[in-house]
Amino acid sequence: MEISTPLAYAGDPREGADAVAALERAGLDAVWVAEAYGFDSPTIMGYLAARTERVRIGAGILNVYSRTPALIAQTAAGLDAISGGRAIMGLGASGPQVVEGWHGKAYDKPLGRTREAIELTRRILRREVIDHHGITDMPLPPEKGGTLGKPLKILTRPVRAEVPLYVASLGPANVTMTAEIADGWLPTLFIPEKAHEVWGAPLAEGRARRDPALGPLQVVAGGLLAIGDDAASARDLARPQIALYVGGMGAVGKNFYNDLAVAYGYEKEAARIQELYLAGRKKEAEAAVPDEFCELMSLCGPAGYVRERVEVFRAAGVTMLNVIPVGPEPARLIETVKGWL
């Protein structure tokens, strides 16, 4: 098992890069850069590549609506070149509020777009001449307004012909597709004790179709990390994130994370969190998050307890433990957990 951390997407990226460089020295294996509707992630990933030497740099995630498959492949090739082969491309559909509200694109065919982006990115990185007609046309045909386009291949030579492609997915069909064709999986609000019940069947179905040449599916999940006799209280820091996702990431009936909370068995609580959050009562929504939810998706407590939590995540199939260190000595926390892995 490896260890990674997400870069805070709402903070100062230069300060974040300083922190990542310190965590790299403590043993960090990878960093994930989110995008949402703030700073773009490729710019920050390029800066991280210049500030680090060993840590792998992942997009967590690029959505498949605001960038063409060709641009996703170019970003993968560019980041891999300047980082010396350390790129990981996390892809996903994001959600309709961001895709429609921020990018002005129709939120249609999320699985097909993700599948096509993966297929075309791999072909482009292999320097194939691309003549593809699906959701994306390369080149654009005359009947759709094309005039001078012709099949092309990427101009430069990628450092690697195979940059790892991970997918953020939650729904059964999307998880099945991820297990079938992606190099790795980026689930959100992951509870290891409940993961098999929610995703076991879709993962098994996708793995049954998986090309053995891809190797085992990598799984990236984790949560808040705090170690100490009084560290259990740090679990409460997960409340704002859980309330935001379960309550605020989408309308009623159109929130993937709320659906996940229901699948975990928190049906009444999920409805209440959403009701409060959408009414603007965010603090009450945070208070409505079950204590168990906070505990099971985190690693906070005495050293022995946290070490047991690490093994629970490992038993659930997690291959990269993605943690958010809490406290004044994040490097010490990373170093300690790295020693257990």
C-alpha atoms as a PDB file:
ATOM      1  CA  MET A   1       0.000   0.000   0.000  1.00  0.00           C
ATOM      2  CA  GLU A   2       1.137   3.559  -0.789  1.00  0.00           C
ATOM      3  CA  ILE A   3       0.214   6.876   0.798  1.00  0.00           C
ATOM      4  CA  SER A   4      -1.032  10.079  -0.829  1.00  0.00           C
ATOM      5  CA  THR A   5      -2.717  13.346   0.092  1.00  0.00           C
ATOM      6  CA  PRO A   6      -5.096  15.753  -1.659  1.00  0.00           C
ATOM      7  CA  LEU A   7      -3.991  19.335  -2.247  1.00  0.00           C
ATOM      8  CA  ALA A   8      -6.465  21.807  -0.732  1.00  0.00           C
ATOM      9  CA  TYR A   9      -8.077  23.305  -3.825  1.00  0.00           C
ATOM     10  CA  ALA A  10      -9.321  26.446  -2.070  1.00  0.00           C
ATOM     11  CA  GLY A  11      -5.960  27.387  -0.533  1.00  0.00           C
ATOM     12  CA  ASP A  12      -2.815  29.140  -1.739  1.00  0.00           C
ATOM     13  CA  PRO A  13      -1.258  26.709  -4.262  1.00  0.00           C
ATOM     14  CA  ARG A  14       2.266  27.947  -3.536  1.00  0.00           C
ATOM     15  CA  GLU A  15       1.873  27.240   0.167  1.00  0.00           C
ATOM     16  CA  GLY A  16       0.346  23.897  -0.762  1.00  0.00           C
ATOM     17  CA  ALA A  17       3.376  23.067  -2.889  1.00  0.00           C
ATOM     18  CA  ASP A  18       5.684  23.901   0.036  1.00  0.00           C
ATOM     19  CA  ALA A  19       3.706  21.449   2.172  1.00  0.00           C
ATOM     20  CA  VAL A  20       3.830  18.726  -0.484  1.00  0.00           C
ATOM     21  CA  ALA A  21       7.597  19.084  -0.800  1.00  0.00           C
ATOM     22  CA  ALA A  22       7.927  18.555   2.964  1.00  0.00           C
ATOM     23  CA  LEU A  23       5.600  15.554   2.867  1.00  0.00           C
ATOM     24  CA  GLU A  24       7.583  14.082  -0.021  1.00  0.00           C
ATOM     25  CA  ARG A  25      10.645  14.052   2.222  1.00  0.00           C
ATOM     26  CA  ALA A  26       8.552  12.237   4.851  1.00  0.00           C
ATOM     27  CA  GLY A  27       7.638   9.460   2.402  1.00  0.00           C
ATOM     28  CA  LEU A  28       4.549  10.689   0.533  1.00  0.00           C
ATOM     29  CA  ASP A  29       4.005   8.718  -2.681  1.00  0.00           C
ATOM     30  CA  ALA A  30       1.465  10.887  -4.531  1.00  0.00           C
ATOM     31  CA  VAL A  31      -0.526  14.122  -4.389  1.00  0.00           C
ATOM     32  CA  TRP A  32      -3.958  14.694  -5.917  1.00  0.00           C
ATOM     33  CA  VAL A  33      -4.947  18.091  -7.316  1.00  0.00           C
ATOM     34  CA  ALA A  34      -8.636  18.906  -7.501  1.00  0.00           C
ATOM     35  CA  GLU A  35     -10.154  21.474  -9.827  1.00  0.00           C
ATOM     36  CA  ALA A  36     -13.906  21.970  -9.169  1.00  0.00           C
ATOM     37  CA  TYR A  37     -14.594  25.532 -10.383  1.00  0.00           C
ATOM     38  CA  GLY A  38     -11.550  27.207  -8.872  1.00  0.00           C
ATOM     39  CA  PHE A  39      -7.962  27.182 -10.090  1.00  0.00           C
ATOM     40  CA  ASP A  40      -7.324  24.834 -12.991  1.00  0.00           C
ATOM     41  CA  SER A  41      -5.399  21.763 -11.893  1.00  0.00           C
ATOM     42  CA  PRO A  42      -2.868  21.349 -14.769  1.00  0.00           C
ATOM     43  CA  THR A  43      -1.210  24.695 -13.934  1.00  0.00           C
ATOM     44  CA  ILE A  44      -0.803  23.679 -10.303  1.00  0.00           C
ATOM     45  CA  MET A  45       0.321  20.159 -11.230  1.00  0.00           C
ATOM     46  CA  GLY A  46       3.049  21.658 -13.416  1.00  0.00           C
ATOM     47  CA  TYR A  47       4.203  23.818 -10.512  1.00  0.00           C
ATOM     48  CA  LEU A  48       4.234  20.777  -8.235  1.00  0.00           C
ATOM     49  CA  ALA A  49       6.345  18.922 -10.782  1.00  0.00           C
ATOM     50  CA  ALA A  50       8.949  21.676 -10.541  1.00  0.00           C
ATOM     51  CA  ARG A  51       8.865  21.734  -6.743  1.00  0.00           C
ATOM     52  CA  THR A  52       9.178  17.966  -6.186  1.00  0.00           C
ATOM     53  CA  GLU A  53      11.456  15.157  -7.275  1.00  0.00           C
ATOM     54  CA  ARG A  54       9.812  11.819  -6.554  1.00  0.00           C
ATOM     55  CA  VAL A  55       6.149  12.186  -5.612  1.00  0.00           C
ATOM     56  CA  ARG A  56       3.609  11.272  -8.304  1.00  0.00           C
ATOM     57  CA  ILE A  57       1.225  14.031  -9.332  1.00  0.00           C
ATOM     58  CA  GLY A  58      -2.400  13.184  -9.957  1.00  0.00           C
ATOM     59  CA  ALA A  59      -5.324  15.111 -11.375  1.00  0.00           C
ATOM     60  CA  GLY A  60      -8.174  14.538  -8.989  1.00  0.00           C
ATOM     61  CA  ILE A  61     -10.110  15.105 -11.254  1.00  0.00           C
ATOM     62  CA  LEU A  62     -10.333  16.554 -14.765  1.00  0.00           C
ATOM     63  CA  ASN A  63     -13.923  16.405 -15.977  1.00  0.00           C
ATOM     64  CA  VAL A  64     -14.586  14.922 -19.411  1.00  0.00           C
ATOM     65  CA  TYR A  65     -16.893  17.716 -20.588  1.00  0.00           C
ATOM     66  CA  SER A  66     -14.757  20.860 -20.441  1.00  0.00           C
ATOM     67  CA  ARG A  67     -11.778  19.312 -22.242  1.00  0.00           C
ATOM     68  CA  THR A  68     -11.663  17.288 -25.435  1.00  0.00           C
ATOM     69  CA  PRO A  69     -10.077  13.828 -25.256  1.00  0.00           C
ATOM     70  CA  ALA A  70      -7.179  15.204 -27.295  1.00  0.00           C
ATOM     71  CA  LEU A  71      -6.553  17.967 -24.753  1.00  0.00           C
ATOM     72  CA  ILE A  72      -6.722  15.459 -21.890  1.00  0.00           C
ATOM     73  CA  ALA A  73      -4.069  13.403 -23.688  1.00  0.00           C
ATOM     74  CA  GLN A  74      -1.926  16.495 -24.314  1.00  0.00           C
ATOM     75  CA  THR A  75      -2.154  17.424 -20.629  1.00  0.00           C
ATOM     76  CA  ALA A  76      -1.137  13.894 -19.660  1.00  0.00           C
ATOM     77  CA  ALA A  77       1.813  13.987 -22.047  1.00  0.00           C
ATOM     78  CA  GLY A  78       2.892  17.476 -20.953  1.00  0.00           C
ATOM     79  CA  LEU A  79       2.718  16.758 -17.233  1.00  0.00           C
ATOM     80  CA  ASP A  80       4.498  13.453 -17.707  1.00  0.00           C
ATOM     81  CA  ALA A  81       7.264  15.197 -19.644  1.00  0.00           C
ATOM     82  CA  ILE A  82       7.981  17.941 -17.122  1.00  0.00           C
ATOM     83  CA  SER A  83       7.672  15.590 -14.133  1.00  0.00           C
ATOM     84  CA  GLY A  84       9.871  12.858 -15.591  1.00  0.00           C
ATOM     85  CA  GLY A  85       7.112  10.252 -15.835  1.00  0.00           C
ATOM     86  CA  ARG A  86       5.213  10.988 -12.606  1.00  0.00           C
ATOM     87  CA  ALA A  87       1.763  11.869 -13.977  1.00  0.00           C
ATOM     88  CA  ILE A  88      -1.518  10.221 -13.008  1.00  0.00           C
ATOM     89  CA  MET A  89      -4.639  11.399 -14.803  1.00  0.00           C
ATOM     90  CA  GLY A  90      -7.796  11.224 -12.707  1.00  0.00           C
ATOM     91  CA  LEU A  91     -10.877  11.644 -14.896  1.00  0.00           C
ATOM     92  CA  GLY A  92     -14.582  11.792 -14.244  1.00  0.00           C
ATOM     93  CA  ALA A  93     -17.932  13.240 -15.173  1.00  0.00           C
ATOM     94  CA  SER A  94     -18.093  15.693 -12.261  1.00  0.00           C
ATOM     95  CA  GLY A  95     -21.743  16.733 -11.793  1.00  0.00           C
ATOM     96  CA  PRO A  96     -24.412  18.664 -13.676  1.00  0.00           C
ATOM     97  CA  GLN A  97     -24.188  21.752 -11.460  1.00  0.00           C
ATOM     98  CA  VAL A  98     -20.544  22.319 -12.419  1.00  0.00           C
ATOM     99  CA  VAL A  99     -20.732  21.025 -15.989  1.00  0.00           C
ATOM    100  CA  GLU A 100     -23.873  22.972 -16.895  1.00  0.00           C
ATOM    101  CA  GLY A 101     -23.520  25.919 -14.531  1.00  0.00           C
ATOM    102  CA  TRP A 102     -19.810  26.632 -14.932  1.00  0.00           C
ATOM    103  CA  HIS A 103     -18.774  25.124 -18.253  1.00  0.00           C
ATOM    104  CA  GLY A 104     -22.056  25.626 -20.085  1.00  0.00           C
ATOM    105  CA  LYS A 105     -22.142  22.077 -21.418  1.00  0.00           C
ATOM    106  CA  ALA A 106     -25.057  19.672 -21.477  1.00  0.00           C
ATOM    107  CA  TYR A 107     -24.571  16.917 -18.912  1.00  0.00           C
ATOM    108  CA  ASP A 108     -25.191  14.008 -21.261  1.00  0.00           C
ATOM    109  CA  LYS A 109     -23.660  10.563 -21.794  1.00  0.00           C
ATOM    110  CA  PRO A 110     -21.319  10.651 -18.755  1.00  0.00           C
ATOM    111  CA  LEU A 111     -20.255   7.006 -19.039  1.00  0.00           C
ATOM    112  CA  GLY A 112     -19.805   7.150 -22.796  1.00  0.00           C
ATOM    113  CA  ARG A 113     -17.747  10.319 -22.547  1.00  0.00           C
ATOM    114  CA  THR A 114     -15.510   8.847 -19.860  1.00  0.00           C
ATOM    115  CA  ARG A 115     -15.008   5.624 -21.778  1.00  0.00           C
ATOM    116  CA  GLU A 116     -14.209   7.523 -24.971  1.00  0.00           C
ATOM    117  CA  ALA A 117     -11.788   9.862 -23.193  1.00  0.00           C
ATOM    118  CA  ILE A 118      -9.863   6.877 -21.828  1.00  0.00           C
ATOM    119  CA  GLU A 119      -9.780   5.075 -25.173  1.00  0.00           C
ATOM    120  CA  LEU A 120      -8.649   8.136 -27.118  1.00  0.00           C
ATOM    121  CA  THR A 121      -6.101   9.254 -24.517  1.00  0.00           C
ATOM    122  CA  ARG A 122      -4.442   5.859 -24.652  1.00  0.00           C
ATOM    123  CA  ARG A 123      -4.407   5.833 -28.452  1.00  0.00           C
ATOM    124  CA  ILE A 124      -3.022   9.366 -28.630  1.00  0.00           C
ATOM    125  CA  LEU A 125      -0.241   8.608 -26.129  1.00  0.00           C
ATOM    126  CA  ARG A 126       0.712   5.623 -28.307  1.00  0.00           C
ATOM    127  CA  ARG A 127       1.064   8.150 -31.158  1.00  0.00           C
ATOM    128  CA  GLU A 128      -1.628   6.588 -33.285  1.00  0.00           C
ATOM    129  CA  VAL A 129      -3.129   8.575 -36.147  1.00  0.00           C
ATOM    130  CA  ILE A 130      -6.630   9.290 -34.850  1.00  0.00           C
ATOM    131  CA  ASP A 131      -9.629   8.788 -37.098  1.00  0.00           C
ATOM    132  CA  HIS A 132     -12.469   8.356 -34.623  1.00  0.00           C
ATOM    133  CA  HIS A 133     -16.181   9.061 -34.817  1.00  0.00           C
ATOM    134  CA  GLY A 134     -18.326   8.729 -31.713  1.00  0.00           C
ATOM    135  CA  ILE A 135     -19.357  11.322 -29.165  1.00  0.00           C
ATOM    136  CA  THR A 136     -16.225  13.132 -30.314  1.00  0.00           C
ATOM    137  CA  ASP A 137     -15.303  13.345 -33.997  1.00  0.00           C
ATOM    138  CA  MET A 138     -11.626  13.416 -34.898  1.00  0.00           C
ATOM    139  CA  PRO A 139     -11.456  14.947 -37.452  1.00  0.00           C
ATOM    140  CA  LEU A 140     -14.735  16.867 -37.639  1.00  0.00           C
ATOM    141  CA  PRO A 141     -16.616  15.561 -40.706  1.00  0.00           C
ATOM    142  CA  PRO A 142     -18.075  17.873 -43.392  1.00  0.00           C
ATOM    143  CA  GLU A 143     -21.671  17.091 -42.378  1.00  0.00           C
ATOM    144  CA  LYS A 144     -20.912  18.590 -38.949  1.00  0.00           C
ATOM    145  CA  GLY A 145     -19.162  21.667 -40.304  1.00  0.00           C
ATOM    146  CA  GLY A 146     -15.647  20.351 -40.850  1.00  0.00           C
ATOM    147  CA  THR A 147     -13.646  21.780 -43.751  1.00  0.00           C
ATOM    148  CA  LEU A 148      -9.888  21.336 -43.368  1.00  0.00           C
ATOM    149  CA  GLY A 149      -9.527  18.726 -40.651  1.00  0.00           C
ATOM    150  CA  LYS A 150      -7.540  15.578 -41.262  1.00  0.00           C
ATOM    151  CA  PRO A 151      -6.506  12.636 -39.055  1.00  0.00           C
ATOM    152  CA  LEU A 152      -3.525  13.573 -36.891  1.00  0.00           C
ATOM    153  CA  LYS A 153      -1.216  12.077 -34.302  1.00  0.00           C
ATOM    154  CA  ILE A 154       0.329  13.883 -31.360  1.00  0.00           C
ATOM    155  CA  LEU A 155       3.227  16.025 -32.529  1.00  0.00           C
ATOM    156  CA  THR A 156       5.584  15.372 -29.614  1.00  0.00           C
ATOM    157  CA  ARG A 157       6.813  12.067 -28.244  1.00  0.00           C
ATOM    158  CA  PRO A 158       5.322  11.296 -24.813  1.00  0.00           C
ATOM    159  CA  VAL A 159       7.730  10.184 -22.092  1.00  0.00           C
ATOM    160  CA  ARG A 160       5.465   7.192 -21.474  1.00  0.00           C
ATOM    161  CA  ALA A 161       3.080   5.590 -23.925  1.00  0.00           C
ATOM    162  CA  GLU A 162       0.877   4.603 -20.967  1.00  0.00           C
ATOM    163  CA  VAL A 163       0.109   7.267 -18.370  1.00  0.00           C
ATOM    164  CA  PRO A 164      -2.133   5.787 -15.621  1.00  0.00           C
ATOM    165  CA  LEU A 165      -5.786   6.780 -16.033  1.00  0.00           C
ATOM    166  CA  TYR A 166      -7.949   6.722 -12.905  1.00  0.00           C
ATOM    167  CA  VAL A 167     -11.702   7.353 -12.753  1.00  0.00           C
ATOM    168  CA  ALA A 168     -13.804   8.983 -10.032  1.00  0.00           C
ATOM    169  CA  SER A 169     -17.043   7.001  -9.970  1.00  0.00           C
ATOM    170  CA  LEU A 170     -19.815   6.141  -7.523  1.00  0.00           C
ATOM    171  CA  GLY A 171     -22.837   4.716  -9.351  1.00  0.00           C
ATOM    172  CA  PRO A 172     -22.980   0.973 -10.156  1.00  0.00           C
ATOM    173  CA  ALA A 173     -22.681   1.297 -13.949  1.00  0.00           C
ATOM    174  CA  ASN A 174     -19.840   3.806 -13.678  1.00  0.00           C
ATOM    175  CA  VAL A 175     -17.976   1.664 -11.130  1.00  0.00           C
ATOM    176  CA  THR A 176     -18.374  -1.373 -13.386  1.00  0.00           C
ATOM    177  CA  MET A 177     -16.886   0.578 -16.288  1.00  0.00           C
ATOM    178  CA  THR A 178     -14.048   1.818 -14.061  1.00  0.00           C
ATOM    179  CA  ALA A 179     -13.151  -1.708 -12.972  1.00  0.00           C
ATOM    180  CA  GLU A 180     -13.243  -2.830 -16.601  1.00  0.00           C
ATOM    181  CA  ILE A 181     -11.092  -0.219 -18.339  1.00  0.00           C
ATOM    182  CA  ALA A 182      -9.365   2.158 -15.896  1.00  0.00           C
ATOM    183  CA  ASP A 183      -5.986   1.803 -14.236  1.00  0.00           C
ATOM    184  CA  GLY A 184      -7.399   3.012 -10.937  1.00  0.00           C
ATOM    185  CA  TRP A 185     -10.534   4.024  -9.049  1.00  0.00           C
ATOM    186  CA  LEU A 186     -11.107   7.222  -7.053  1.00  0.00           C
ATOM    187  CA  PRO A 187     -14.198   6.720  -4.864  1.00  0.00           C
ATOM    188  CA  THR A 188     -15.451   9.539  -2.624  1.00  0.00           C
ATOM    189  CA  LEU A 189     -16.751   9.290   0.983  1.00  0.00           C
ATOM    190  CA  PHE A 190     -15.327   5.770   1.122  1.00  0.00           C
ATOM    191  CA  ILE A 191     -16.310   3.680   4.161  1.00  0.00           C
ATOM    192  CA  PRO A 192     -14.251   0.471   4.034  1.00  0.00           C
ATOM    193  CA  GLU A 193     -16.632  -1.560   6.205  1.00  0.00           C
ATOM    194  CA  LYS A 194     -19.533  -0.799   3.853  1.00  0.00           C
ATOM    195  CA  ALA A 195     -17.714  -0.650   0.509  1.00  0.00           C
ATOM    196  CA  HIS A 196     -18.216  -4.279  -0.483  1.00  0.00           C
ATOM    197  CA  GLU A 197     -21.943  -4.088   0.211  1.00  0.00           C
ATOM    198  CA  VAL A 198     -22.312  -1.027  -2.027  1.00  0.00           C
ATOM    199  CA  TRP A 199     -19.749  -1.677  -4.758  1.00  0.00           C
ATOM    200  CA  GLY A 200     -18.814  -5.360  -4.515  1.00  0.00           C
ATOM    201  CA  ALA A 201     -21.046  -6.554  -7.355  1.00  0.00           C
ATOM    202  CA  PRO A 202     -20.214  -3.732  -9.814  1.00  0.00           C
ATOM    203  CA  LEU A 203     -16.484  -4.144  -9.148  1.00  0.00           C
ATOM    204  CA  ALA A 204     -16.693  -7.904  -9.692  1.00  0.00           C
ATOM    205  CA  GLU A 205     -18.628  -7.448 -12.927  1.00  0.00           C
ATOM    206  CA  GLY A 206     -16.106  -4.954 -14.272  1.00  0.00           C
ATOM    207  CA  ARG A 207     -13.098  -7.011 -13.243  1.00  0.00           C
ATOM    208  CA  ALA A 208     -14.559 -10.033 -15.048  1.00  0.00           C
ATOM    209  CA  ARG A 209     -14.377  -8.020 -18.294  1.00  0.00           C
ATOM    210  CA  ARG A 210     -10.989  -6.466 -17.549  1.00  0.00           C
ATOM    211  CA  ASP A 211      -8.050  -6.938 -19.902  1.00  0.00           C
ATOM    212  CA  PRO A 212      -5.348  -8.740 -17.852  1.00  0.00           C
ATOM    213  CA  ALA A 213      -2.753  -6.515 -19.500  1.00  0.00           C
ATOM    214  CA  LEU A 214      -4.062  -3.588 -17.432  1.00  0.00           C
ATOM    215  CA  GLY A 215      -2.992  -5.287 -14.216  1.00  0.00           C
ATOM    216  CA  PRO A 216      -4.967  -5.102 -10.954  1.00  0.00           C
ATOM    217  CA  LEU A 217      -7.299  -2.151 -10.427  1.00  0.00           C
ATOM    218  CA  GLN A 218      -5.701   0.395  -8.087  1.00  0.00           C
ATOM    219  CA  VAL A 219      -7.982   1.904  -5.436  1.00  0.00           C
ATOM    220  CA  VAL A 220      -7.349   5.294  -3.800  1.00  0.00           C
ATOM    221  CA  ALA A 221      -9.298   6.095  -0.620  1.00  0.00           C
ATOM    222  CA  GLY A 222      -8.828   7.307   2.935  1.00  0.00           C
ATOM    223  CA  GLY A 223      -9.709  10.308   5.074  1.00  0.00           C
ATOM    224  CA  LEU A 224      -8.626  12.541   7.907  1.00  0.00           C
ATOM    225  CA  LEU A 225      -5.491  11.369   9.725  1.00  0.00           C
ATOM    226  CA  ALA A 226      -4.738  12.236  13.362  1.00  0.00           C
ATOM    227  CA  ILE A 227      -2.756  10.177  15.861  1.00  0.00           C
ATOM    228  CA  GLY A 228      -2.829  10.655  19.613  1.00  0.00           C
ATOM    229  CA  ASP A 229      -4.747   9.864  22.762  1.00  0.00           C
ATOM    230  CA  ASP A 230      -7.079  12.813  22.139  1.00  0.00           C
ATOM    231  CA  ALA A 231      -7.069  12.599  18.336  1.00  0.00           C
ATOM    232  CA  ALA A 232     -10.543  11.066  18.020  1.00  0.00           C
ATOM    233  CA  SER A 233     -12.037  14.562  18.239  1.00  0.00           C
ATOM    234  CA  ALA A 234     -10.467  15.353  14.853  1.00  0.00           C
ATOM    235  CA  ARG A 235     -13.151  13.186  13.240  1.00  0.00           C
ATOM    236  CA  ASP A 236     -15.544  16.089  13.600  1.00  0.00           C
ATOM    237  CA  LEU A 237     -13.499  17.951  11.000  1.00  0.00           C
ATOM    238  CA  ALA A 238     -15.056  15.589   8.444  1.00  0.00           C
ATOM    239  CA  ARG A 239     -18.522  16.983   9.120  1.00  0.00           C
ATOM    240  CA  PRO A 240     -18.335  20.001   6.784  1.00  0.00           C
ATOM    241  CA  GLN A 241     -17.147  17.846   3.861  1.00  0.00           C
ATOM    242  CA  ILE A 242     -19.772  15.151   4.413  1.00  0.00           C
ATOM    243  CA  ALA A 243     -22.529  17.741   4.808  1.00  0.00           C
ATOM    244  CA  LEU A 244     -21.379  19.586   1.685  1.00  0.00           C
ATOM    245  CA  TYR A 245     -21.340  16.459  -0.463  1.00  0.00           C
ATOM    246  CA  VAL A 246     -24.402  14.694   0.939  1.00  0.00           C
ATOM    247  CA  GLY A 247     -26.405  17.885   1.345  1.00  0.00           C
ATOM    248  CA  GLY A 248     -25.193  20.370  -1.227  1.00  0.00           C
ATOM    249  CA  MET A 249     -23.708  18.614  -4.244  1.00  0.00           C
ATOM    250  CA  GLY A 250     -26.834  18.567  -6.390  1.00  0.00           C
ATOM    251  CA  ALA A 251     -30.557  18.990  -6.154  1.00  0.00           C
ATOM    252  CA  VAL A 252     -32.960  16.630  -4.396  1.00  0.00           C
ATOM    253  CA  GLY A 253     -32.975  13.372  -6.337  1.00  0.00           C
ATOM    254  CA  LYS A 254     -29.886  14.434  -8.316  1.00  0.00           C
ATOM    255  CA  ASN A 255     -27.105  14.071  -5.756  1.00  0.00           C
ATOM    256  CA  PHE A 256     -24.789  11.084  -6.230  1.00  0.00           C
ATOM    257  CA  TYR A 257     -23.296  11.487  -2.752  1.00  0.00           C
ATOM    258  CA  ASN A 258     -26.690  11.566  -1.094  1.00  0.00           C
ATOM    259  CA  ASP A 259     -27.495   8.336  -2.929  1.00  0.00           C
ATOM    260  CA  LEU A 260     -24.274   6.855  -1.557  1.00  0.00           C
ATOM    261  CA  ALA A 261     -25.156   7.831   2.014  1.00  0.00           C
ATOM    262  CA  VAL A 262     -28.525   6.129   1.545  1.00  0.00           C
ATOM    263  CA  ALA A 263     -26.773   3.008   0.216  1.00  0.00           C
ATOM    264  CA  TYR A 264     -24.572   3.042   3.328  1.00  0.00           C
ATOM    265  CA  GLY A 265     -27.718   2.820   5.437  1.00  0.00           C
ATOM    266  CA  TYR A 266     -28.082   6.483   6.439  1.00  0.00           C
ATOM    267  CA  GLU A 267     -31.340   7.112   4.570  1.00  0.00           C
ATOM    268  CA  LYS A 268     -33.114   9.300   7.144  1.00  0.00           C
ATOM    269  CA  GLU A 269     -29.945  11.133   8.074  1.00  0.00           C
ATOM    270  CA  ALA A 270     -29.095  11.822   4.401  1.00  0.00           C
ATOM    271  CA  ALA A 271     -32.521  13.327   3.782  1.00  0.00           C
ATOM    272  CA  ARG A 272     -32.211  15.531   6.858  1.00  0.00           C
ATOM    273  CA  ILE A 273     -28.692  16.684   5.977  1.00  0.00           C
ATOM    274  CA  GLN A 274     -29.847  17.638   2.486  1.00  0.00           C
ATOM    275  CA  GLU A 275     -32.947  19.419   3.758  1.00  0.00           C
ATOM    276  CA  LEU A 276     -30.899  21.516   6.163  1.00  0.00           C
ATOM    277  CA  TYR A 277     -28.055  22.232   3.755  1.00  0.00           C
ATOM    278  CA  LEU A 278     -30.275  23.348   0.886  1.00  0.00           C
ATOM    279  CA  ALA A 279     -32.139  25.596   3.326  1.00  0.00           C
ATOM    280  CA  GLY A 280     -28.843  27.351   4.099  1.00  0.00           C
ATOM    281  CA  ARG A 281     -28.591  25.867   7.597  1.00  0.00           C
ATOM    282  CA  LYS A 282     -25.120  24.457   7.056  1.00  0.00           C
ATOM    283  CA  LYS A 283     -24.039  24.171  10.686  1.00  0.00           C
ATOM    284  CA  GLU A 284     -27.189  22.220  11.509  1.00  0.00           C
ATOM    285  CA  ALA A 285     -26.530  19.983   8.497  1.00  0.00           C
ATOM    286  CA  GLU A 286     -23.026  19.297   9.799  1.00  0.00           C
ATOM    287  CA  ALA A 287     -24.409  18.438  13.235  1.00  0.00           C
ATOM    288  CA  ALA A 288     -26.838  16.000  11.599  1.00  0.00           C
ATOM    289  CA  VAL A 289     -24.005  13.900  10.134  1.00  0.00           C
ATOM    290  CA  PRO A 290     -23.902  10.617  12.101  1.00  0.00           C
ATOM    291  CA  ASP A 291     -20.889  10.183  14.392  1.00  0.00           C
ATOM    292  CA  GLU A 292     -20.374   6.729  12.892  1.00  0.00           C
ATOM    293  CA  PHE A 293     -20.107   8.202   9.384  1.00  0.00           C
ATOM    294  CA  CYS A 294     -17.323  10.530  10.552  1.00  0.00           C
ATOM    295  CA  GLU A 295     -15.477   7.737  12.352  1.00  0.00           C
ATOM    296  CA  LEU A 296     -15.620   5.098   9.635  1.00  0.00           C
ATOM    297  CA  MET A 297     -14.327   7.334   6.849  1.00  0.00           C
ATOM    298  CA  SER A 298     -11.390   8.630   8.898  1.00  0.00           C
ATOM    299  CA  LEU A 299      -8.228   7.467  10.676  1.00  0.00           C
ATOM    300  CA  CYS A 300      -8.234   9.431  13.933  1.00  0.00           C
ATOM    301  CA  GLY A 301      -7.340   8.128  17.368  1.00  0.00           C
ATOM    302  CA  PRO A 302      -4.525   6.490  19.351  1.00  0.00           C
ATOM    303  CA  ALA A 303      -1.718   4.919  17.325  1.00  0.00           C
ATOM    304  CA  GLY A 304      -2.962   1.355  17.794  1.00  0.00           C
ATOM    305  CA  TYR A 305      -6.451   2.293  16.675  1.00  0.00           C
ATOM    306  CA  VAL A 306      -5.215   4.159  13.594  1.00  0.00           C
ATOM    307  CA  ARG A 307      -2.997   1.248  12.660  1.00  0.00           C
ATOM    308  CA  GLU A 308      -6.061  -1.015  12.832  1.00  0.00           C
ATOM    309  CA  ARG A 309      -7.955   1.439  10.587  1.00  0.00           C
ATOM    310  CA  VAL A 310      -5.146   1.266   8.044  1.00  0.00           C
ATOM    311  CA  GLU A 311      -5.569  -2.498   7.882  1.00  0.00           C
ATOM    312  CA  VAL A 312      -9.347  -2.151   7.494  1.00  0.00           C
ATOM    313  CA  PHE A 313      -8.788   0.064   4.452  1.00  0.00           C
ATOM    314  CA  ARG A 314      -6.245  -2.420   3.103  1.00  0.00           C
ATOM    315  CA  ALA A 315      -8.685  -5.313   3.576  1.00  0.00           C
ATOM    316  CA  ALA A 316     -11.296  -3.338   1.635  1.00  0.00           C
ATOM    317  CA  GLY A 317      -8.973  -3.302  -1.394  1.00  0.00           C
ATOM    318  CA  VAL A 318      -7.395   0.117  -0.990  1.00  0.00           C
ATOM    319  CA  THR A 319      -3.950   0.213  -2.608  1.00  0.00           C
ATOM    320  CA  MET A 320      -3.199   3.901  -1.986  1.00  0.00           C
ATOM    321  CA  LEU A 321      -4.246   5.413   1.333  1.00  0.00           C
ATOM    322  CA  ASN A 322      -5.247   9.021   0.643  1.00  0.00           C
ATOM    323  CA  VAL A 323      -5.048  10.980   3.899  1.00  0.00           C
ATOM    324  CA  ILE A 324      -5.455  14.549   5.132  1.00  0.00           C
ATOM    325  CA  PRO A 325      -3.039  15.031   8.057  1.00  0.00           C
ATOM    326  CA  VAL A 326      -4.514  17.035  10.947  1.00  0.00           C
ATOM    327  CA  GLY A 327      -2.341  18.879  13.433  1.00  0.00           C
ATOM    328  CA  PRO A 328       0.902  20.839  13.597  1.00  0.00           C
ATOM    329  CA  GLU A 329       3.193  18.033  12.364  1.00  0.00           C
ATOM    330  CA  PRO A 330       1.760  16.600   9.124  1.00  0.00           C
ATOM    331  CA  ALA A 331       5.132  15.253   7.996  1.00  0.00           C
ATOM    332  CA  ARG A 332       5.437  13.226  11.202  1.00  0.00           C
ATOM    333  CA  LEU A 333       1.996  11.706  10.599  1.00  0.00           C
ATOM    334  CA  ILE A 334       2.886  10.742   7.038  1.00  0.00           C
ATOM    335  CA  GLU A 335       6.206   9.271   8.153  1.00  0.00           C
ATOM    336  CA  THR A 336       4.511   7.242  10.901  1.00  0.00           C
ATOM    337  CA  VAL A 337       1.823   5.747   8.650  1.00  0.00           C
ATOM    338  CA  LYS A 338       4.305   5.162   5.842  1.00  0.00           C
ATOM    339  CA  GLY A 339       6.284   3.040   8.291  1.00  0.00           C
ATOM    340  CA  TRP A 340       3.228   0.838   8.862  1.00  0.00           C
ATOM    341  CA  LEU A 341       2.596   0.225   5.182  1.00  0.00           C
END
